[in-house]
Amino acid sequence: MALHAKNIALMAGAEGAEGAEGAEVALVADELVKQGSVRVDIAQAALAKLRSEPE
């Protein structure tokens, strides 16, 4: 499921190289796996939430 979640995160527009600490792809994929629902709309929502948080 983790590989599929990474692919969905990329489709949703997440950026970041594999292995890069704090990469959007990894963070969004982790959230999808945690929620147990690997869907593009959920990935887009997680990405929007991630990008709206202050650094």
Protein backbone atom coordinates (compact mmCIF):
# COMPACT_ATOMS: atom_id res chain seq x y z
CA MET A 1 0.00 0.00 0.00
CA ALA A 2 2.90 2.38 0.69
CA LEU A 3 4.14 2.39 -2.91
CA HIS A 4 0.63 3.01 -4.20
CA ALA A 5 0.25 5.84 -1.68
CA LYS A 6 3.45 7.48 -2.96
CA ASN A 7 2.18 7.28 -6.54
CA ILE A 8 -1.15 8.83 -5.53
CA ALA A 9 0.69 11.60 -3.62
CA LEU A 10 2.64 12.40 -6.79
CA MET A 11 -0.57 12.43 -8.83
CA ALA A 12 -2.02 14.91 -6.32
CA GLY A 13 0.90 17.26 -6.94
CA ALA A 14 3.21 16.53 -4.02
CA GLU A 15 6.87 17.33 -4.57
CA GLY A 16 10.08 15.99 -3.13
CA ALA A 17 12.81 13.55 -3.97
CA GLU A 18 12.75 10.02 -2.63
CA GLY A 19 14.54 9.95 0.70
CA ALA A 20 14.53 13.72 1.16
CA GLU A 21 13.65 14.54 4.73
CA GLY A 22 10.30 16.31 4.93
CA ALA A 23 9.47 15.64 1.28
CA GLU A 24 5.80 16.26 0.54
CA VAL A 25 5.47 12.90 -1.18
CA ALA A 26 6.55 10.98 1.91
CA LEU A 27 4.43 13.08 4.26
CA VAL A 28 1.29 12.80 2.14
CA ALA A 29 1.83 9.09 1.51
CA ASP A 30 2.25 8.47 5.24
CA GLU A 31 -1.01 10.30 5.91
CA LEU A 32 -2.85 8.22 3.29
CA VAL A 33 -1.59 4.97 4.77
CA LYS A 34 -2.47 6.18 8.27
CA GLN A 35 -6.03 6.98 7.16
CA GLY A 36 -6.28 3.67 5.34
CA SER A 37 -7.69 5.36 2.24
CA VAL A 38 -5.40 5.86 -0.74
CA ARG A 39 -7.33 8.20 -3.01
CA VAL A 40 -6.33 11.26 -5.03
CA ASP A 41 -8.95 13.53 -3.44
CA ILE A 42 -7.75 12.65 0.04
CA ALA A 43 -4.14 13.15 -1.05
CA GLN A 44 -5.02 16.58 -2.43
CA ALA A 45 -6.68 17.53 0.86
CA ALA A 46 -3.68 16.28 2.87
CA LEU A 47 -1.32 18.21 0.59
CA ALA A 48 -3.37 21.41 0.94
CA LYS A 49 -3.35 21.02 4.73
CA LEU A 50 0.40 20.36 4.73
CA ARG A 51 1.11 23.43 2.60
CA SER A 52 -1.10 25.66 4.74
CA GLU A 53 0.75 24.83 7.96
CA PRO A 54 3.44 27.31 9.01
CA GLU A 55 6.98 25.98 8.76
